[in-house]
Amino acid sequence: PRWQHIVLMALCTVVLIAAIANFLVSDSNRARALHAALT
């Protein structure tokens, strides 16, 4: 349904911002690789 589509896009955007933020503040290469893959 249209409302679920919009909600999924909003959630995906929030997750994308969080993954980028976590990638930038990660202190190990393993964590950076994980967050880069999720991004």
Full PDB file with SEQRES, HELIX, SHEET, SSBOND, CRYST1, ORIGX, SCALE, CONECT and MASTER records, all heavy atoms in Angstrom:
SEQRES   1 A   39  PRO ARG TRP GLN HIS ILE VAL LEU MET ALA LEU CYS THR          
SEQRES   2 A   39  VAL VAL LEU ILE ALA ALA ILE ALA ASN PHE LEU VAL SER          
SEQRES   3 A   39  ASP SER ASN ARG ALA ARG ALA LEU HIS ALA ALA LEU THR          
HELIX    1 AA1 ARG A    2  VAL A   25  1                                  24    
HELIX    2 AA2 ASN A   29  LEU A   38  1                                  10    
CRYST1    1.000    1.000    1.000  90.00  90.00  90.00 P 1           1          
ORIGX1      1.000000  0.000000  0.000000        0.00000                         
ORIGX2      0.000000  1.000000  0.000000        0.00000                         
ORIGX3      0.000000  0.000000  1.000000        0.00000                         
SCALE1      1.000000  0.000000  0.000000        0.00000                         
SCALE2      0.000000  1.000000  0.000000        0.00000                         
SCALE3      0.000000  0.000000  1.000000        0.00000                         
ATOM      1  N   PRO A   1       0.848  -1.196   0.000  1.00  0.00           N  
ATOM      2  CA  PRO A   1       0.000   0.000   0.000  1.00  0.00           C  
ATOM      3  C   PRO A   1       0.885   1.249   0.000  1.00  0.00           C  
ATOM      4  O   PRO A   1       2.039   1.207   0.436  1.00  0.00           O  
ATOM      5  CB  PRO A   1      -0.781  -0.112   1.311  1.00  0.00           C  
ATOM      6  CG  PRO A   1      -0.682  -1.537   1.710  1.00  0.00           C  
ATOM      7  CD  PRO A   1       0.597  -2.057   1.138  1.00  0.00           C  
ATOM      8  N   ARG A   2       0.336   2.339  -0.491  1.00  0.00           N  
ATOM      9  CA  ARG A   2       1.121   3.567  -0.644  1.00  0.00           C  
ATOM     10  C   ARG A   2       1.724   4.031   0.688  1.00  0.00           C  
ATOM     11  O   ARG A   2       2.884   4.426   0.745  1.00  0.00           O  
ATOM     12  CB  ARG A   2       0.222   4.665  -1.224  1.00  0.00           C  
ATOM     13  CG  ARG A   2       0.947   5.936  -1.531  1.00  0.00           C  
ATOM     14  CD  ARG A   2       0.016   6.900  -2.270  1.00  0.00           C  
ATOM     15  NE  ARG A   2       0.718   8.091  -2.636  1.00  0.00           N  
ATOM     16  CZ  ARG A   2       0.667   9.214  -1.944  1.00  0.00           C  
ATOM     17  NH1 ARG A   2      -0.091   9.299  -0.875  1.00  0.00           N  
ATOM     18  NH2 ARG A   2       1.354  10.269  -2.324  1.00  0.00           N  
ATOM     19  N   TRP A   3       0.970   3.972   1.777  1.00  0.00           N  
ATOM     20  CA  TRP A   3       1.472   4.456   3.062  1.00  0.00           C  
ATOM     21  C   TRP A   3       2.635   3.607   3.553  1.00  0.00           C  
ATOM     22  O   TRP A   3       3.589   4.124   4.132  1.00  0.00           O  
ATOM     23  CB  TRP A   3       0.351   4.529   4.110  1.00  0.00           C  
ATOM     24  CG  TRP A   3      -0.156   3.199   4.579  1.00  0.00           C  
ATOM     25  CD1 TRP A   3      -1.170   2.470   4.042  1.00  0.00           C  
ATOM     26  CD2 TRP A   3       0.343   2.434   5.675  1.00  0.00           C  
ATOM     27  NE1 TRP A   3      -1.337   1.297   4.740  1.00  0.00           N  
ATOM     28  CE2 TRP A   3      -0.429   1.253   5.757  1.00  0.00           C  
ATOM     29  CE3 TRP A   3       1.361   2.637   6.596  1.00  0.00           C  
ATOM     30  CZ2 TRP A   3      -0.201   0.280   6.714  1.00  0.00           C  
ATOM     31  CZ3 TRP A   3       1.586   1.659   7.555  1.00  0.00           C  
ATOM     32  CH2 TRP A   3       0.809   0.500   7.612  1.00  0.00           C  
ATOM     33  N   GLN A   4       2.606   2.298   3.308  1.00  0.00           N  
ATOM     34  CA  GLN A   4       3.720   1.449   3.713  1.00  0.00           C  
ATOM     35  C   GLN A   4       4.964   1.745   2.882  1.00  0.00           C  
ATOM     36  O   GLN A   4       6.086   1.705   3.392  1.00  0.00           O  
ATOM     37  CB  GLN A   4       3.344  -0.024   3.576  1.00  0.00           C  
ATOM     38  CG  GLN A   4       2.417  -0.508   4.652  1.00  0.00           C  
ATOM     39  CD  GLN A   4       2.076  -1.979   4.503  1.00  0.00           C  
ATOM     40  OE1 GLN A   4       2.427  -2.612   3.499  1.00  0.00           O  
ATOM     41  NE2 GLN A   4       1.384  -2.521   5.490  1.00  0.00           N  
ATOM     42  N   HIS A   5       4.752   2.054   1.622  1.00  0.00           N  
ATOM     43  CA  HIS A   5       5.861   2.401   0.747  1.00  0.00           C  
ATOM     44  C   HIS A   5       6.567   3.657   1.268  1.00  0.00           C  
ATOM     45  O   HIS A   5       7.796   3.704   1.353  1.00  0.00           O  
ATOM     46  CB  HIS A   5       5.320   2.638  -0.666  1.00  0.00           C  
ATOM     47  CG  HIS A   5       6.292   2.345  -1.743  1.00  0.00           C  
ATOM     48  ND1 HIS A   5       5.985   1.536  -2.799  1.00  0.00           N  
ATOM     49  CD2 HIS A   5       7.558   2.739  -1.947  1.00  0.00           C  
ATOM     50  CE1 HIS A   5       7.032   1.455  -3.601  1.00  0.00           C  
ATOM     51  NE2 HIS A   5       7.999   2.185  -3.104  1.00  0.00           N  
ATOM     52  N   ILE A   6       5.781   4.658   1.647  1.00  0.00           N  
ATOM     53  CA  ILE A   6       6.340   5.912   2.157  1.00  0.00           C  
ATOM     54  C   ILE A   6       7.050   5.690   3.489  1.00  0.00           C  
ATOM     55  O   ILE A   6       8.147   6.213   3.723  1.00  0.00           O  
ATOM     56  CB  ILE A   6       5.231   6.979   2.267  1.00  0.00           C  
ATOM     57  CG1 ILE A   6       4.753   7.354   0.864  1.00  0.00           C  
ATOM     58  CG2 ILE A   6       5.715   8.206   3.022  1.00  0.00           C  
ATOM     59  CD1 ILE A   6       3.510   8.207   0.834  1.00  0.00           C  
ATOM     60  N   VAL A   7       6.448   4.878   4.364  1.00  0.00           N  
ATOM     61  CA  VAL A   7       7.073   4.587   5.654  1.00  0.00           C  
ATOM     62  C   VAL A   7       8.401   3.852   5.451  1.00  0.00           C  
ATOM     63  O   VAL A   7       9.401   4.155   6.118  1.00  0.00           O  
ATOM     64  CB  VAL A   7       6.113   3.770   6.552  1.00  0.00           C  
ATOM     65  CG1 VAL A   7       6.832   3.195   7.762  1.00  0.00           C  
ATOM     66  CG2 VAL A   7       4.948   4.634   6.993  1.00  0.00           C  
ATOM     67  N   LEU A   8       8.437   2.898   4.535  1.00  0.00           N  
ATOM     68  CA  LEU A   8       9.692   2.185   4.260  1.00  0.00           C  
ATOM     69  C   LEU A   8      10.770   3.126   3.725  1.00  0.00           C  
ATOM     70  O   LEU A   8      11.941   3.001   4.092  1.00  0.00           O  
ATOM     71  CB  LEU A   8       9.449   1.049   3.262  1.00  0.00           C  
ATOM     72  CG  LEU A   8       8.972  -0.259   3.851  1.00  0.00           C  
ATOM     73  CD1 LEU A   8       8.701  -1.265   2.744  1.00  0.00           C  
ATOM     74  CD2 LEU A   8       9.980  -0.825   4.820  1.00  0.00           C  
ATOM     75  N   MET A   9      10.396   4.056   2.860  1.00  0.00           N  
ATOM     76  CA  MET A   9      11.381   5.016   2.360  1.00  0.00           C  
ATOM     77  C   MET A   9      11.912   5.892   3.491  1.00  0.00           C  
ATOM     78  O   MET A   9      13.114   6.167   3.563  1.00  0.00           O  
ATOM     79  CB  MET A   9      10.780   5.880   1.243  1.00  0.00           C  
ATOM     80  CG  MET A   9      10.589   5.130  -0.057  1.00  0.00           C  
ATOM     81  SD  MET A   9      10.123   6.166  -1.449  1.00  0.00           S  
ATOM     82  CE  MET A   9       8.520   6.748  -0.965  1.00  0.00           C  
ATOM     83  N   ALA A  10      11.030   6.325   4.395  1.00  0.00           N  
ATOM     84  CA  ALA A  10      11.462   7.149   5.529  1.00  0.00           C  
ATOM     85  C   ALA A  10      12.390   6.357   6.451  1.00  0.00           C  
ATOM     86  O   ALA A  10      13.441   6.862   6.875  1.00  0.00           O  
ATOM     87  CB  ALA A  10      10.243   7.654   6.289  1.00  0.00           C  
ATOM     88  N   LEU A  11      12.021   5.112   6.769  1.00  0.00           N  
ATOM     89  CA  LEU A  11      12.874   4.284   7.625  1.00  0.00           C  
ATOM     90  C   LEU A  11      14.228   4.003   6.975  1.00  0.00           C  
ATOM     91  O   LEU A  11      15.264   4.013   7.639  1.00  0.00           O  
ATOM     92  CB  LEU A  11      12.178   2.965   7.948  1.00  0.00           C  
ATOM     93  CG  LEU A  11      11.027   3.049   8.947  1.00  0.00           C  
ATOM     94  CD1 LEU A  11      10.320   1.705   9.053  1.00  0.00           C  
ATOM     95  CD2 LEU A  11      11.512   3.502  10.301  1.00  0.00           C  
ATOM     96  N   CYS A  12      14.209   3.767   5.687  1.00  0.00           N  
ATOM     97  CA  CYS A  12      15.453   3.508   4.960  1.00  0.00           C  
ATOM     98  C   CYS A  12      16.363   4.737   4.999  1.00  0.00           C  
ATOM     99  O   CYS A  12      17.579   4.613   5.125  1.00  0.00           O  
ATOM    100  CB  CYS A  12      15.136   3.136   3.514  1.00  0.00           C  
ATOM    101  SG  CYS A  12      15.804   1.569   3.027  1.00  0.00           S  
ATOM    102  N   THR A  13      15.765   5.911   4.907  1.00  0.00           N  
ATOM    103  CA  THR A  13      16.539   7.149   4.968  1.00  0.00           C  
ATOM    104  C   THR A  13      17.173   7.324   6.348  1.00  0.00           C  
ATOM    105  O   THR A  13      18.350   7.685   6.459  1.00  0.00           O  
ATOM    106  CB  THR A  13      15.635   8.355   4.637  1.00  0.00           C  
ATOM    107  OG1 THR A  13      15.070   8.156   3.341  1.00  0.00           O  
ATOM    108  CG2 THR A  13      16.406   9.644   4.654  1.00  0.00           C  
ATOM    109  N   VAL A  14      16.421   7.036   7.401  1.00  0.00           N  
ATOM    110  CA  VAL A  14      16.953   7.135   8.767  1.00  0.00           C  
ATOM    111  C   VAL A  14      18.095   6.139   8.965  1.00  0.00           C  
ATOM    112  O   VAL A  14      19.150   6.487   9.524  1.00  0.00           O  
ATOM    113  CB  VAL A  14      15.824   6.905   9.796  1.00  0.00           C  
ATOM    114  CG1 VAL A  14      16.381   6.747  11.199  1.00  0.00           C  
ATOM    115  CG2 VAL A  14      14.826   8.042   9.743  1.00  0.00           C  
ATOM    116  N   VAL A  15      17.914   4.915   8.494  1.00  0.00           N  
ATOM    117  CA  VAL A  15      18.962   3.900   8.621  1.00  0.00           C  
ATOM    118  C   VAL A  15      20.204   4.309   7.828  1.00  0.00           C  
ATOM    119  O   VAL A  15      21.334   4.113   8.282  1.00  0.00           O  
ATOM    120  CB  VAL A  15      18.437   2.515   8.170  1.00  0.00           C  
ATOM    121  CG1 VAL A  15      19.560   1.497   8.058  1.00  0.00           C  
ATOM    122  CG2 VAL A  15      17.374   2.033   9.133  1.00  0.00           C  
ATOM    123  N   LEU A  16      20.004   4.898   6.659  1.00  0.00           N  
ATOM    124  CA  LEU A  16      21.137   5.339   5.846  1.00  0.00           C  
ATOM    125  C   LEU A  16      21.924   6.425   6.562  1.00  0.00           C  
ATOM    126  O   LEU A  16      23.158   6.383   6.604  1.00  0.00           O  
ATOM    127  CB  LEU A  16      20.638   5.844   4.486  1.00  0.00           C  
ATOM    128  CG  LEU A  16      21.704   6.258   3.476  1.00  0.00           C  
ATOM    129  CD1 LEU A  16      22.579   5.070   3.105  1.00  0.00           C  
ATOM    130  CD2 LEU A  16      21.053   6.839   2.237  1.00  0.00           C  
ATOM    131  N   ILE A  17      21.239   7.390   7.152  1.00  0.00           N  
ATOM    132  CA  ILE A  17      21.918   8.459   7.892  1.00  0.00           C  
ATOM    133  C   ILE A  17      22.664   7.880   9.092  1.00  0.00           C  
ATOM    134  O   ILE A  17      23.816   8.250   9.368  1.00  0.00           O  
ATOM    135  CB  ILE A  17      20.903   9.536   8.320  1.00  0.00           C  
ATOM    136  CG1 ILE A  17      20.388  10.278   7.091  1.00  0.00           C  
ATOM    137  CG2 ILE A  17      21.516  10.511   9.315  1.00  0.00           C  
ATOM    138  CD1 ILE A  17      19.190  11.161   7.361  1.00  0.00           C  
ATOM    139  N   ALA A  18      22.039   6.957   9.815  1.00  0.00           N  
ATOM    140  CA  ALA A  18      22.691   6.329  10.966  1.00  0.00           C  
ATOM    141  C   ALA A  18      23.923   5.525  10.547  1.00  0.00           C  
ATOM    142  O   ALA A  18      24.958   5.562  11.215  1.00  0.00           O  
ATOM    143  CB  ALA A  18      21.701   5.431  11.696  1.00  0.00           C  
ATOM    144  N   ALA A  19      23.819   4.806   9.444  1.00  0.00           N  
ATOM    145  CA  ALA A  19      24.955   4.004   8.980  1.00  0.00           C  
ATOM    146  C   ALA A  19      26.123   4.895   8.567  1.00  0.00           C  
ATOM    147  O   ALA A  19      27.284   4.581   8.859  1.00  0.00           O  
ATOM    148  CB  ALA A  19      24.530   3.111   7.818  1.00  0.00           C  
ATOM    149  N   ILE A  20      25.830   6.011   7.928  1.00  0.00           N  
ATOM    150  CA  ILE A  20      26.894   6.944   7.541  1.00  0.00           C  
ATOM    151  C   ILE A  20      27.532   7.551   8.780  1.00  0.00           C  
ATOM    152  O   ILE A  20      28.764   7.648   8.884  1.00  0.00           O  
ATOM    153  CB  ILE A  20      26.339   8.031   6.595  1.00  0.00           C  
ATOM    154  CG1 ILE A  20      25.971   7.422   5.247  1.00  0.00           C  
ATOM    155  CG2 ILE A  20      27.351   9.158   6.411  1.00  0.00           C  
ATOM    156  CD1 ILE A  20      25.210   8.343   4.323  1.00  0.00           C  
ATOM    157  N   ALA A  21      26.696   7.957   9.752  1.00  0.00           N  
ATOM    158  CA  ALA A  21      27.225   8.539  10.989  1.00  0.00           C  
ATOM    159  C   ALA A  21      28.089   7.529  11.739  1.00  0.00           C  
ATOM    160  O   ALA A  21      29.179   7.864  12.229  1.00  0.00           O  
ATOM    161  CB  ALA A  21      26.080   9.022  11.867  1.00  0.00           C  
ATOM    162  N   ASN A  22      27.620   6.287  11.830  1.00  0.00           N  
ATOM    163  CA  ASN A  22      28.404   5.256  12.515  1.00  0.00           C  
ATOM    164  C   ASN A  22      29.695   4.942  11.774  1.00  0.00           C  
ATOM    165  O   ASN A  22      30.720   4.661  12.405  1.00  0.00           O  
ATOM    166  CB  ASN A  22      27.574   3.987  12.700  1.00  0.00           C  
ATOM    167  CG  ASN A  22      26.555   4.126  13.796  1.00  0.00           C  
ATOM    168  OD1 ASN A  22      26.786   4.810  14.785  1.00  0.00           O  
ATOM    169  ND2 ASN A  22      25.420   3.473  13.635  1.00  0.00           N  
ATOM    170  N   PHE A  23      29.651   4.975  10.465  1.00  0.00           N  
ATOM    171  CA  PHE A  23      30.875   4.767   9.679  1.00  0.00           C  
ATOM    172  C   PHE A  23      31.906   5.846  10.001  1.00  0.00           C  
ATOM    173  O   PHE A  23      33.084   5.556  10.170  1.00  0.00           O  
ATOM    174  CB  PHE A  23      30.560   4.780   8.180  1.00  0.00           C  
ATOM    175  CG  PHE A  23      31.775   4.771   7.304  1.00  0.00           C  
ATOM    176  CD1 PHE A  23      32.449   3.588   7.064  1.00  0.00           C  
ATOM    177  CD2 PHE A  23      32.245   5.936   6.728  1.00  0.00           C  
ATOM    178  CE1 PHE A  23      33.584   3.569   6.262  1.00  0.00           C  
ATOM    179  CE2 PHE A  23      33.371   5.931   5.925  1.00  0.00           C  
ATOM    180  CZ  PHE A  23      34.045   4.738   5.689  1.00  0.00           C  
ATOM    181  N   LEU A  24      31.443   7.092  10.115  1.00  0.00           N  
ATOM    182  CA  LEU A  24      32.364   8.206  10.356  1.00  0.00           C  
ATOM    183  C   LEU A  24      32.983   8.176  11.747  1.00  0.00           C  
ATOM    184  O   LEU A  24      34.119   8.622  11.936  1.00  0.00           O  
ATOM    185  CB  LEU A  24      31.643   9.542  10.126  1.00  0.00           C  
ATOM    186  CG  LEU A  24      31.214   9.810   8.683  1.00  0.00           C  
ATOM    187  CD1 LEU A  24      30.396  11.087   8.602  1.00  0.00           C  
ATOM    188  CD2 LEU A  24      32.428   9.882   7.765  1.00  0.00           C  
ATOM    189  N   VAL A  25      32.274   7.670  12.749  1.00  0.00           N  
ATOM    190  CA  VAL A  25      32.800   7.687  14.123  1.00  0.00           C  
ATOM    191  C   VAL A  25      33.396   6.350  14.556  1.00  0.00           C  
ATOM    192  O   VAL A  25      33.864   6.235  15.683  1.00  0.00           O  
ATOM    193  CB  VAL A  25      31.711   8.133  15.135  1.00  0.00           C  
ATOM    194  CG1 VAL A  25      31.241   9.534  14.822  1.00  0.00           C  
ATOM    195  CG2 VAL A  25      30.559   7.158  15.173  1.00  0.00           C  
ATOM    196  N   SER A  26      33.377   5.348  13.704  1.00  0.00           N  
ATOM    197  CA  SER A  26      33.934   4.041  14.063  1.00  0.00           C  
ATOM    198  C   SER A  26      35.432   4.152  14.304  1.00  0.00           C  
ATOM    199  O   SER A  26      36.139   4.861  13.588  1.00  0.00           O  
ATOM    200  CB  SER A  26      33.682   3.022  12.957  1.00  0.00           C  
ATOM    201  OG  SER A  26      32.313   2.790  12.816  1.00  0.00           O  
ATOM    202  N   ASP A  27      35.888   3.407  15.321  1.00  0.00           N  
ATOM    203  CA  ASP A  27      37.313   3.484  15.633  1.00  0.00           C  
ATOM    204  C   ASP A  27      38.113   2.297  15.098  1.00  0.00           C  
ATOM    205  O   ASP A  27      39.334   2.329  15.110  1.00  0.00           O  
ATOM    206  CB  ASP A  27      37.518   3.622  17.142  1.00  0.00           C  
ATOM    207  CG  ASP A  27      36.855   2.506  17.930  1.00  0.00           C  
ATOM    208  OD1 ASP A  27      36.096   1.740  17.324  1.00  0.00           O  
ATOM    209  OD2 ASP A  27      37.092   2.422  19.154  1.00  0.00           O  
ATOM    210  N   SER A  28      37.455   1.270  14.616  1.00  0.00           N  
ATOM    211  CA  SER A  28      38.191   0.134  14.058  1.00  0.00           C  
ATOM    212  C   SER A  28      37.796  -0.066  12.593  1.00  0.00           C  
ATOM    213  O   SER A  28      36.701   0.306  12.168  1.00  0.00           O  
ATOM    214  CB  SER A  28      37.904  -1.138  14.857  1.00  0.00           C  
ATOM    215  OG  SER A  28      36.584  -1.571  14.633  1.00  0.00           O  
ATOM    216  N   ASN A  29      38.717  -0.674  11.866  1.00  0.00           N  
ATOM    217  CA  ASN A  29      38.454  -0.931  10.449  1.00  0.00           C  
ATOM    218  C   ASN A  29      37.347  -1.963  10.256  1.00  0.00           C  
ATOM    219  O   ASN A  29      36.601  -1.900   9.277  1.00  0.00           O  
ATOM    220  CB  ASN A  29      39.726  -1.392   9.747  1.00  0.00           C  
ATOM    221  CG  ASN A  29      40.677  -0.232   9.511  1.00  0.00           C  
ATOM    222  OD1 ASN A  29      40.253   0.918   9.444  1.00  0.00           O  
ATOM    223  ND2 ASN A  29      41.959  -0.556   9.411  1.00  0.00           N  
ATOM    224  N   ARG A  30      37.234  -2.884  11.194  1.00  0.00           N  
ATOM    225  CA  ARG A  30      36.185  -3.897  11.109  1.00  0.00           C  
ATOM    226  C   ARG A  30      34.802  -3.245  11.221  1.00  0.00           C  
ATOM    227  O   ARG A  30      33.885  -3.558  10.455  1.00  0.00           O  
ATOM    228  CB  ARG A  30      36.386  -4.932  12.198  1.00  0.00           C  
ATOM    229  CG  ARG A  30      35.439  -6.073  12.128  1.00  0.00           C  
ATOM    230  CD  ARG A  30      35.757  -7.095  13.193  1.00  0.00           C  
ATOM    231  NE  ARG A  30      34.885  -8.238  13.073  1.00  0.00           N  
ATOM    232  CZ  ARG A  30      34.952  -9.291  13.833  1.00  0.00           C  
ATOM    233  NH1 ARG A  30      35.851  -9.360  14.776  1.00  0.00           N  
ATOM    234  NH2 ARG A  30      34.120 -10.295  13.655  1.00  0.00           N  
ATOM    235  N   ALA A  31      34.661  -2.335  12.159  1.00  0.00           N  
ATOM    236  CA  ALA A  31      33.385  -1.630  12.328  1.00  0.00           C  
ATOM    237  C   ALA A  31      33.106  -0.739  11.123  1.00  0.00           C  
ATOM    238  O   ALA A  31      31.962  -0.630  10.675  1.00  0.00           O  
ATOM    239  CB  ALA A  31      33.404  -0.806  13.611  1.00  0.00           C  
ATOM    240  N   ARG A  32      34.150  -0.092  10.610  1.00  0.00           N  
ATOM    241  CA  ARG A  32      33.966   0.747   9.410  1.00  0.00           C  
ATOM    242  C   ARG A  32      33.504  -0.086   8.223  1.00  0.00           C  
ATOM    243  O   ARG A  32      32.634   0.338   7.460  1.00  0.00           O  
ATOM    244  CB  ARG A  32      35.262   1.471   9.055  1.00  0.00           C  
ATOM    245  CG  ARG A  32      35.524   2.668   9.897  1.00  0.00           C  
ATOM    246  CD  ARG A  32      36.755   3.404   9.385  1.00  0.00           C  
ATOM    247  NE  ARG A  32      37.116   4.417  10.339  1.00  0.00           N  
ATOM    248  CZ  ARG A  32      36.920   5.702  10.137  1.00  0.00           C  
ATOM    249  NH1 ARG A  32      36.391   6.116   9.021  1.00  0.00           N  
ATOM    250  NH2 ARG A  32      37.273   6.573  11.053  1.00  0.00           N  
ATOM    251  N   ALA A  33      34.078  -1.260   8.058  1.00  0.00           N  
ATOM    252  CA  ALA A  33      33.689  -2.130   6.939  1.00  0.00           C  
ATOM    253  C   ALA A  33      32.239  -2.581   7.100  1.00  0.00           C  
ATOM    254  O   ALA A  33      31.480  -2.606   6.113  1.00  0.00           O  
ATOM    255  CB  ALA A  33      34.616  -3.341   6.870  1.00  0.00           C  
ATOM    256  N   LEU A  34      31.845  -2.917   8.316  1.00  0.00           N  
ATOM    257  CA  LEU A  34      30.470  -3.330   8.565  1.00  0.00           C  
ATOM    258  C   LEU A  34      29.495  -2.199   8.233  1.00  0.00           C  
ATOM    259  O   LEU A  34      28.507  -2.404   7.523  1.00  0.00           O  
ATOM    260  CB  LEU A  34      30.290  -3.756  10.021  1.00  0.00           C  
ATOM    261  CG  LEU A  34      28.854  -4.044  10.456  1.00  0.00           C  
ATOM    262  CD1 LEU A  34      28.339  -5.297   9.767  1.00  0.00           C  
ATOM    263  CD2 LEU A  34      28.771  -4.162  11.954  1.00  0.00           C  
ATOM    264  N   HIS A  35      29.782  -0.995   8.719  1.00  0.00           N  
ATOM    265  CA  HIS A  35      28.890   0.130   8.470  1.00  0.00           C  
ATOM    266  C   HIS A  35      28.912   0.567   7.002  1.00  0.00           C  
ATOM    267  O   HIS A  35      27.895   1.020   6.475  1.00  0.00           O  
ATOM    268  CB  HIS A  35      29.217   1.293   9.397  1.00  0.00           C  
ATOM    269  CG  HIS A  35      28.893   0.993  10.830  1.00  0.00           C  
ATOM    270  ND1 HIS A  35      27.614   0.744  11.259  1.00  0.00           N  
ATOM    271  CD2 HIS A  35      29.680   0.867  11.914  1.00  0.00           C  
ATOM    272  CE1 HIS A  35      27.634   0.490  12.555  1.00  0.00           C  
ATOM    273  NE2 HIS A  35      28.882   0.552  12.974  1.00  0.00           N  
ATOM    274  N   ALA A  36      30.049   0.420   6.343  1.00  0.00           N  
ATOM    275  CA  ALA A  36      30.117   0.733   4.913  1.00  0.00           C  
ATOM    276  C   ALA A  36      29.246  -0.246   4.119  1.00  0.00           C  
ATOM    277  O   ALA A  36      28.512   0.164   3.204  1.00  0.00           O  
ATOM    278  CB  ALA A  36      31.563   0.685   4.429  1.00  0.00           C  
ATOM    279  N   ALA A  37      29.311  -1.525   4.484  1.00  0.00           N  
ATOM    280  CA  ALA A  37      28.488  -2.531   3.794  1.00  0.00           C  
ATOM    281  C   ALA A  37      27.004  -2.256   4.022  1.00  0.00           C  
ATOM    282  O   ALA A  37      26.199  -2.320   3.084  1.00  0.00           O  
ATOM    283  CB  ALA A  37      28.854  -3.930   4.277  1.00  0.00           C  
ATOM    284  N   LEU A  38      26.628  -1.935   5.262  1.00  0.00           N  
ATOM    285  CA  LEU A  38      25.236  -1.617   5.553  1.00  0.00           C  
ATOM    286  C   LEU A  38      24.778  -0.367   4.809  1.00  0.00           C  
ATOM    287  O   LEU A  38      23.641  -0.302   4.348  1.00  0.00           O  
ATOM    288  CB  LEU A  38      25.032  -1.438   7.061  1.00  0.00           C  
ATOM    289  CG  LEU A  38      25.139  -2.714   7.889  1.00  0.00           C  
ATOM    290  CD1 LEU A  38      25.053  -2.391   9.372  1.00  0.00           C  
ATOM    291  CD2 LEU A  38      24.077  -3.710   7.505  1.00  0.00           C  
ATOM    292  N   THR A  39      25.664   0.607   4.697  1.00  0.00           N  
ATOM    293  CA  THR A  39      25.335   1.830   3.967  1.00  0.00           C  
ATOM    294  C   THR A  39      25.065   1.530   2.494  1.00  0.00           C  
ATOM    295  O   THR A  39      24.089   2.028   1.914  1.00  0.00           O  
ATOM    296  CB  THR A  39      26.476   2.862   4.092  1.00  0.00           C  
ATOM    297  OG1 THR A  39      26.679   3.146   5.474  1.00  0.00           O  
ATOM    298  CG2 THR A  39      26.158   4.142   3.350  1.00  0.00           C  
TER     299      THR A  39                                                      
MASTER        0    0    0    2    0    0    0    6  298    1    0    3          
END                                                                             
